[in-house]
Amino acid sequence: MNEKSYTELMKIGAMKRQRKENFVQDLYIDMLLLEIQLTVEKEKLLKRIDSAIDHRDKKNFYHLSKQLIEITKRFGT
């Protein structure tokens, strides 16, 4: 027979739980990094939009506004 002892079964169960926890942690870290990246990107873009408004640069303003719309879509808002 190929039966495992109680101790072996507990070790296997603990390893499976640890892998799940690691996966969830990795997923959370990836989401957090993506949100930080998008936030920084959005802040830089907003500053460039403000500058375009200050300089009355319509062409650049419209171009940057389109980029802002795309970033907003990536945020999911």
PDB file of N, CA and C in Angstrom:
ATOM      1  N   MET A   1       0.821  -1.186   0.000  1.00  0.00           N
ATOM      2  CA  MET A   1       0.000   0.000   0.000  1.00  0.00           C
ATOM      3  C   MET A   1       0.860   1.244   0.000  1.00  0.00           C
ATOM      4  N   ASN A   2       0.257   2.296  -0.461  1.00  0.00           N
ATOM      5  CA  ASN A   2       0.983   3.551  -0.576  1.00  0.00           C
ATOM      6  C   ASN A   2       0.361   4.608   0.330  1.00  0.00           C
ATOM      7  N   GLU A   3      -0.010   4.198   1.535  1.00  0.00           N
ATOM      8  CA  GLU A   3      -0.649   5.133   2.460  1.00  0.00           C
ATOM      9  C   GLU A   3       0.402   5.991   3.136  1.00  0.00           C
ATOM     10  N   LYS A   4       0.053   7.234   3.374  1.00  0.00           N
ATOM     11  CA  LYS A   4       0.968   8.167   4.015  1.00  0.00           C
ATOM     12  C   LYS A   4       0.564   8.327   5.473  1.00  0.00           C
ATOM     13  N   SER A   5       1.555   8.610   6.271  1.00  0.00           N
ATOM     14  CA  SER A   5       1.277   8.795   7.695  1.00  0.00           C
ATOM     15  C   SER A   5       0.559  10.123   7.906  1.00  0.00           C
ATOM     16  N   TYR A   6       0.007  10.293   9.078  1.00  0.00           N
ATOM     17  CA  TYR A   6      -0.684  11.529   9.437  1.00  0.00           C
ATOM     18  C   TYR A   6       0.266  12.718   9.322  1.00  0.00           C
ATOM     19  N   THR A   7       1.493  12.535   9.780  1.00  0.00           N
ATOM     20  CA  THR A   7       2.493  13.608   9.732  1.00  0.00           C
ATOM     21  C   THR A   7       2.794  14.015   8.297  1.00  0.00           C
ATOM     22  N   GLU A   8       2.956  13.044   7.423  1.00  0.00           N
ATOM     23  CA  GLU A   8       3.218  13.342   6.021  1.00  0.00           C
ATOM     24  C   GLU A   8       2.052  14.085   5.387  1.00  0.00           C
ATOM     25  N   LEU A   9       0.835  13.663   5.696  1.00  0.00           N
ATOM     26  CA  LEU A   9      -0.349  14.327   5.159  1.00  0.00           C
ATOM     27  C   LEU A   9      -0.441  15.762   5.652  1.00  0.00           C
ATOM     28  N   MET A  10      -0.106  15.991   6.915  1.00  0.00           N
ATOM     29  CA  MET A  10      -0.126  17.348   7.462  1.00  0.00           C
ATOM     30  C   MET A  10       0.919  18.227   6.778  1.00  0.00           C
ATOM     31  N   LYS A  11       2.102  17.658   6.521  1.00  0.00           N
ATOM     32  CA  LYS A  11       3.149  18.412   5.835  1.00  0.00           C
ATOM     33  C   LYS A  11       2.708  18.785   4.417  1.00  0.00           C
ATOM     34  N   ILE A  12       2.092  17.847   3.721  1.00  0.00           N
ATOM     35  CA  ILE A  12       1.611  18.103   2.360  1.00  0.00           C
ATOM     36  C   ILE A  12       0.546  19.203   2.376  1.00  0.00           C
ATOM     37  N   GLY A  13      -0.371  19.120   3.337  1.00  0.00           N
ATOM     38  CA  GLY A  13      -1.425  20.140   3.463  1.00  0.00           C
ATOM     39  C   GLY A  13      -0.839  21.511   3.744  1.00  0.00           C
ATOM     40  N   ALA A  14       0.163  21.569   4.608  1.00  0.00           N
ATOM     41  CA  ALA A  14       0.806  22.846   4.943  1.00  0.00           C
ATOM     42  C   ALA A  14       1.524  23.423   3.731  1.00  0.00           C
ATOM     43  N   MET A  15       2.170  22.576   2.959  1.00  0.00           N
ATOM     44  CA  MET A  15       2.882  23.048   1.758  1.00  0.00           C
ATOM     45  C   MET A  15       1.895  23.599   0.738  1.00  0.00           C
ATOM     46  N   LYS A  16       0.752  22.949   0.573  1.00  0.00           N
ATOM     47  CA  LYS A  16      -0.257  23.432  -0.372  1.00  0.00           C
ATOM     48  C   LYS A  16      -0.803  24.785   0.066  1.00  0.00           C
ATOM     49  N   ARG A  17      -1.072  24.935   1.365  1.00  0.00           N
ATOM     50  CA  ARG A  17      -1.554  26.216   1.877  1.00  0.00           C
ATOM     51  C   ARG A  17      -0.518  27.308   1.667  1.00  0.00           C
ATOM     52  N   GLN A  18       0.759  26.965   1.895  1.00  0.00           N
ATOM     53  CA  GLN A  18       1.831  27.943   1.737  1.00  0.00           C
ATOM     54  C   GLN A  18       1.916  28.407   0.285  1.00  0.00           C
ATOM     55  N   ARG A  19       1.766  27.481  -0.666  1.00  0.00           N
ATOM     56  CA  ARG A  19       1.810  27.857  -2.084  1.00  0.00           C
ATOM     57  C   ARG A  19       0.658  28.786  -2.432  1.00  0.00           C
ATOM     58  N   LYS A  20      -0.532  28.512  -1.883  1.00  0.00           N
ATOM     59  CA  LYS A  20      -1.680  29.383  -2.132  1.00  0.00           C
ATOM     60  C   LYS A  20      -1.434  30.771  -1.559  1.00  0.00           C
ATOM     61  N   GLU A  21      -0.904  30.810  -0.338  1.00  0.00           N
ATOM     62  CA  GLU A  21      -0.627  32.094   0.305  1.00  0.00           C
ATOM     63  C   GLU A  21       0.421  32.879  -0.484  1.00  0.00           C
ATOM     64  N   ASN A  22       1.452  32.184  -0.961  1.00  0.00           N
ATOM     65  CA  ASN A  22       2.481  32.851  -1.760  1.00  0.00           C
ATOM     66  C   ASN A  22       1.890  33.410  -3.052  1.00  0.00           C
ATOM     67  N   PHE A  23       1.004  32.647  -3.678  1.00  0.00           N
ATOM     68  CA  PHE A  23       0.371  33.106  -4.912  1.00  0.00           C
ATOM     69  C   PHE A  23      -0.445  34.369  -4.649  1.00  0.00           C
ATOM     70  N   VAL A  24      -1.209  34.368  -3.580  1.00  0.00           N
ATOM     71  CA  VAL A  24      -2.040  35.524  -3.247  1.00  0.00           C
ATOM     72  C   VAL A  24      -1.159  36.724  -2.927  1.00  0.00           C
ATOM     73  N   GLN A  25      -0.077  36.505  -2.187  1.00  0.00           N
ATOM     74  CA  GLN A  25       0.847  37.592  -1.877  1.00  0.00           C
ATOM     75  C   GLN A  25       1.461  38.166  -3.155  1.00  0.00           C
ATOM     76  N   ASP A  26       1.896  37.300  -4.051  1.00  0.00           N
ATOM     77  CA  ASP A  26       2.483  37.754  -5.307  1.00  0.00           C
ATOM     78  C   ASP A  26       1.471  38.542  -6.134  1.00  0.00           C
ATOM     79  N   LEU A  27       0.250  38.069  -6.154  1.00  0.00           N
ATOM     80  CA  LEU A  27      -0.802  38.755  -6.889  1.00  0.00           C
ATOM     81  C   LEU A  27      -1.061  40.135  -6.291  1.00  0.00           C
ATOM     82  N   TYR A  28      -1.121  40.205  -4.971  1.00  0.00           N
ATOM     83  CA  TYR A  28      -1.341  41.480  -4.290  1.00  0.00           C
ATOM     84  C   TYR A  28      -0.194  42.452  -4.575  1.00  0.00           C
ATOM     85  N   ILE A  29       1.029  41.968  -4.524  1.00  0.00           N
ATOM     86  CA  ILE A  29       2.197  42.813  -4.797  1.00  0.00           C
ATOM     87  C   ILE A  29       2.159  43.330  -6.227  1.00  0.00           C
ATOM     88  N   ASP A  30       1.823  42.468  -7.177  1.00  0.00           N
ATOM     89  CA  ASP A  30       1.718  42.892  -8.580  1.00  0.00           C
ATOM     90  C   ASP A  30       0.658  43.976  -8.747  1.00  0.00           C
ATOM     91  N   MET A  31      -0.480  43.799  -8.096  1.00  0.00           N
ATOM     92  CA  MET A  31      -1.550  44.787  -8.193  1.00  0.00           C
ATOM     93  C   MET A  31      -1.125  46.119  -7.583  1.00  0.00           C
ATOM     94  N   LEU A  32      -0.441  46.043  -6.457  1.00  0.00           N
ATOM     95  CA  LEU A  32       0.018  47.248  -5.775  1.00  0.00           C
ATOM     96  C   LEU A  32       1.036  48.006  -6.621  1.00  0.00           C
ATOM     97  N   LEU A  33       1.985  47.283  -7.207  1.00  0.00           N
ATOM     98  CA  LEU A  33       2.989  47.918  -8.064  1.00  0.00           C
ATOM     99  C   LEU A  33       2.353  48.545  -9.299  1.00  0.00           C
ATOM    100  N   LEU A  34       1.384  47.865  -9.879  1.00  0.00           N
ATOM    101  CA  LEU A  34       0.697  48.407 -11.049  1.00  0.00           C
ATOM    102  C   LEU A  34      -0.047  49.683 -10.692  1.00  0.00           C
ATOM    103  N   GLU A  35      -0.707  49.690  -9.539  1.00  0.00           N
ATOM    104  CA  GLU A  35      -1.429  50.883  -9.119  1.00  0.00           C
ATOM    105  C   GLU A  35      -0.468  52.051  -8.884  1.00  0.00           C
ATOM    106  N   ILE A  36       0.674  51.775  -8.271  1.00  0.00           N
ATOM    107  CA  ILE A  36       1.672  52.827  -8.048  1.00  0.00           C
ATOM    108  C   ILE A  36       2.173  53.372  -9.379  1.00  0.00           C
ATOM    109  N   GLN A  37       2.466  52.472 -10.303  1.00  0.00           N
ATOM    110  CA  GLN A  37       2.950  52.886 -11.622  1.00  0.00           C
ATOM    111  C   GLN A  37       1.922  53.763 -12.332  1.00  0.00           C
ATOM    112  N   LEU A  38       0.676  53.353 -12.315  1.00  0.00           N
ATOM    113  CA  LEU A  38      -0.374  54.124 -12.977  1.00  0.00           C
ATOM    114  C   LEU A  38      -0.592  55.471 -12.300  1.00  0.00           C
ATOM    115  N   THR A  39      -0.500  55.494 -10.978  1.00  0.00           N
ATOM    116  CA  THR A  39      -0.675  56.751 -10.246  1.00  0.00           C
ATOM    117  C   THR A  39       0.422  57.746 -10.605  1.00  0.00           C
ATOM    118  N   VAL A  40       1.656  57.274 -10.644  1.00  0.00           N
ATOM    119  CA  VAL A  40       2.780  58.150 -11.003  1.00  0.00           C
ATOM    120  C   VAL A  40       2.630  58.641 -12.440  1.00  0.00           C
ATOM    121  N   GLU A  41       2.253  57.721 -13.333  1.00  0.00           N
ATOM    122  CA  GLU A  41       2.042  58.091 -14.737  1.00  0.00           C
ATOM    123  C   GLU A  41       0.960  59.165 -14.862  1.00  0.00           C
ATOM    124  N   LYS A  42      -0.114  58.979 -14.118  1.00  0.00           N
ATOM    125  CA  LYS A  42      -1.238  59.916 -14.177  1.00  0.00           C
ATOM    126  C   LYS A  42      -0.834  61.287 -13.631  1.00  0.00           C
ATOM    127  N   GLU A  43      -0.088  61.306 -12.532  1.00  0.00           N
ATOM    128  CA  GLU A  43       0.352  62.576 -11.955  1.00  0.00           C
ATOM    129  C   GLU A  43       1.251  63.350 -12.920  1.00  0.00           C
ATOM    130  N   LYS A  44       2.177  62.643 -13.569  1.00  0.00           N
ATOM    131  CA  LYS A  44       3.058  63.297 -14.542  1.00  0.00           C
ATOM    132  C   LYS A  44       2.239  63.861 -15.704  1.00  0.00           C
ATOM    133  N   LEU A  45       1.277  63.084 -16.159  1.00  0.00           N
ATOM    134  CA  LEU A  45       0.439  63.512 -17.272  1.00  0.00           C
ATOM    135  C   LEU A  45      -0.397  64.733 -16.897  1.00  0.00           C
ATOM    136  N   LEU A  46      -0.926  64.745 -15.691  1.00  0.00           N
ATOM    137  CA  LEU A  46      -1.717  65.893 -15.242  1.00  0.00           C
ATOM    138  C   LEU A  46      -0.866  67.170 -15.183  1.00  0.00           C
ATOM    139  N   LYS A  47       0.380  67.030 -14.768  1.00  0.00           N
ATOM    140  CA  LYS A  47       1.278  68.192 -14.752  1.00  0.00           C
ATOM    141  C   LYS A  47       1.536  68.696 -16.178  1.00  0.00           C
ATOM    142  N   ARG A  48       1.706  67.757 -17.098  1.00  0.00           N
ATOM    143  CA  ARG A  48       1.925  68.159 -18.495  1.00  0.00           C
ATOM    144  C   ARG A  48       0.674  68.818 -19.079  1.00  0.00           C
ATOM    145  N   ILE A  49      -0.494  68.334 -18.687  1.00  0.00           N
ATOM    146  CA  ILE A  49      -1.750  68.944 -19.141  1.00  0.00           C
ATOM    147  C   ILE A  49      -1.866  70.364 -18.586  1.00  0.00           C
ATOM    148  N   ASP A  50      -1.544  70.530 -17.306  1.00  0.00           N
ATOM    149  CA  ASP A  50      -1.573  71.867 -16.707  1.00  0.00           C
ATOM    150  C   ASP A  50      -0.632  72.819 -17.452  1.00  0.00           C
ATOM    151  N   SER A  51       0.531  72.316 -17.794  1.00  0.00           N
ATOM    152  CA  SER A  51       1.501  73.135 -18.527  1.00  0.00           C
ATOM    153  C   SER A  51       0.964  73.520 -19.907  1.00  0.00           C
ATOM    154  N   ALA A  52       0.320  72.570 -20.576  1.00  0.00           N
ATOM    155  CA  ALA A  52      -0.255  72.852 -21.895  1.00  0.00           C
ATOM    156  C   ALA A  52      -1.350  73.915 -21.777  1.00  0.00           C
ATOM    157  N   ILE A  53      -2.139  73.851 -20.724  1.00  0.00           N
ATOM    158  CA  ILE A  53      -3.181  74.858 -20.495  1.00  0.00           C
ATOM    159  C   ILE A  53      -2.534  76.217 -20.246  1.00  0.00           C
ATOM    160  N   ASP A  54      -1.506  76.236 -19.403  1.00  0.00           N
ATOM    161  CA  ASP A  54      -0.819  77.493 -19.097  1.00  0.00           C
ATOM    162  C   ASP A  54      -0.227  78.146 -20.344  1.00  0.00           C
ATOM    163  N   HIS A  55       0.253  77.308 -21.272  1.00  0.00           N
ATOM    164  CA  HIS A  55       0.870  77.824 -22.503  1.00  0.00           C
ATOM    165  C   HIS A  55      -0.130  77.932 -23.665  1.00  0.00           C
ATOM    166  N   ARG A  56      -1.390  77.651 -23.367  1.00  0.00           N
ATOM    167  CA  ARG A  56      -2.472  77.720 -24.367  1.00  0.00           C
ATOM    168  C   ARG A  56      -2.151  76.878 -25.620  1.00  0.00           C
ATOM    169  N   ASP A  57      -1.624  75.687 -25.356  1.00  0.00           N
ATOM    170  CA  ASP A  57      -1.243  74.768 -26.428  1.00  0.00           C
ATOM    171  C   ASP A  57      -2.370  73.744 -26.617  1.00  0.00           C
ATOM    172  N   LYS A  58      -3.327  74.080 -27.493  1.00  0.00           N
ATOM    173  CA  LYS A  58      -4.506  73.229 -27.685  1.00  0.00           C
ATOM    174  C   LYS A  58      -4.131  71.850 -28.219  1.00  0.00           C
ATOM    175  N   LYS A  59      -3.244  71.803 -29.189  1.00  0.00           N
ATOM    176  CA  LYS A  59      -2.885  70.535 -29.820  1.00  0.00           C
ATOM    177  C   LYS A  59      -2.302  69.572 -28.783  1.00  0.00           C
ATOM    178  N   ASN A  60      -1.370  70.062 -27.993  1.00  0.00           N
ATOM    179  CA  ASN A  60      -0.752  69.234 -26.967  1.00  0.00           C
ATOM    180  C   ASN A  60      -1.767  68.873 -25.885  1.00  0.00           C
ATOM    181  N   PHE A  61      -2.637  69.820 -25.533  1.00  0.00           N
ATOM    182  CA  PHE A  61      -3.679  69.563 -24.536  1.00  0.00           C
ATOM    183  C   PHE A  61      -4.580  68.415 -24.971  1.00  0.00           C
ATOM    184  N   TYR A  62      -5.041  68.430 -26.222  1.00  0.00           N
ATOM    185  CA  TYR A  62      -5.917  67.362 -26.704  1.00  0.00           C
ATOM    186  C   TYR A  62      -5.186  66.022 -26.734  1.00  0.00           C
ATOM    187  N   HIS A  63      -3.935  66.057 -27.161  1.00  0.00           N
ATOM    188  CA  HIS A  63      -3.142  64.821 -27.218  1.00  0.00           C
ATOM    189  C   HIS A  63      -2.976  64.235 -25.807  1.00  0.00           C
ATOM    190  N   LEU A  64      -2.607  65.083 -24.861  1.00  0.00           N
ATOM    191  CA  LEU A  64      -2.406  64.626 -23.488  1.00  0.00           C
ATOM    192  C   LEU A  64      -3.723  64.190 -22.851  1.00  0.00           C
ATOM    193  N   SER A  65      -4.807  64.860 -23.194  1.00  0.00           N
ATOM    194  CA  SER A  65      -6.120  64.476 -22.664  1.00  0.00           C
ATOM    195  C   SER A  65      -6.512  63.076 -23.122  1.00  0.00           C
ATOM    196  N   LYS A  66      -6.193  62.749 -24.367  1.00  0.00           N
ATOM    197  CA  LYS A  66      -6.467  61.396 -24.863  1.00  0.00           C
ATOM    198  C   LYS A  66      -5.654  60.371 -24.080  1.00  0.00           C
ATOM    199  N   GLN A  67      -4.406  60.709 -23.779  1.00  0.00           N
ATOM    200  CA  GLN A  67      -3.577  59.806 -22.977  1.00  0.00           C
ATOM    201  C   GLN A  67      -4.165  59.629 -21.578  1.00  0.00           C
ATOM    202  N   LEU A  68      -4.671  60.715 -21.027  1.00  0.00           N
ATOM    203  CA  LEU A  68      -5.289  60.648 -19.697  1.00  0.00           C
ATOM    204  C   LEU A  68      -6.518  59.736 -19.715  1.00  0.00           C
ATOM    205  N   ILE A  69      -7.300  59.816 -20.765  1.00  0.00           N
ATOM    206  CA  ILE A  69      -8.464  58.939 -20.898  1.00  0.00           C
ATOM    207  C   ILE A  69      -8.031  57.476 -20.919  1.00  0.00           C
ATOM    208  N   GLU A  70      -6.951  57.179 -21.646  1.00  0.00           N
ATOM    209  CA  GLU A  70      -6.452  55.797 -21.726  1.00  0.00           C
ATOM    210  C   GLU A  70      -5.954  55.313 -20.362  1.00  0.00           C
ATOM    211  N   ILE A  71      -5.255  56.170 -19.635  1.00  0.00           N
ATOM    212  CA  ILE A  71      -4.770  55.788 -18.307  1.00  0.00           C
ATOM    213  C   ILE A  71      -5.957  55.564 -17.373  1.00  0.00           C
ATOM    214  N   THR A  72      -6.961  56.401 -17.482  1.00  0.00           N
ATOM    215  CA  THR A  72      -8.161  56.239 -16.654  1.00  0.00           C
ATOM    216  C   THR A  72      -8.833  54.903 -16.950  1.00  0.00           C
ATOM    217  N   LYS A  73      -8.862  54.512 -18.209  1.00  0.00           N
ATOM    218  CA  LYS A  73      -9.423  53.205 -18.569  1.00  0.00           C
ATOM    219  C   LYS A  73      -8.605  52.080 -17.955  1.00  0.00           C
ATOM    220  N   ARG A  74      -7.273  52.223 -17.965  1.00  0.00           N
ATOM    221  CA  ARG A  74      -6.409  51.195 -17.378  1.00  0.00           C
ATOM    222  C   ARG A  74      -6.614  51.077 -15.878  1.00  0.00           C
ATOM    223  N   PHE A  75      -6.960  52.203 -15.233  1.00  0.00           N
ATOM    224  CA  PHE A  75      -7.264  52.200 -13.809  1.00  0.00           C
ATOM    225  C   PHE A  75      -8.577  51.470 -13.540  1.00  0.00           C
ATOM    226  N   GLY A  76      -9.432  51.449 -14.544  1.00  0.00           N
ATOM    227  CA  GLY A  76     -10.724  50.816 -14.355  1.00  0.00           C
ATOM    228  C   GLY A  76     -11.752  51.729 -13.730  1.00  0.00           C
ATOM    229  N   THR A  77     -11.503  53.035 -13.827  1.00  0.00           N
ATOM    230  CA  THR A  77     -12.457  53.995 -13.250  1.00  0.00           C
ATOM    231  C   THR A  77     -13.190  54.732 -14.336  1.00  0.00           C
TER     232      THR A  77
END
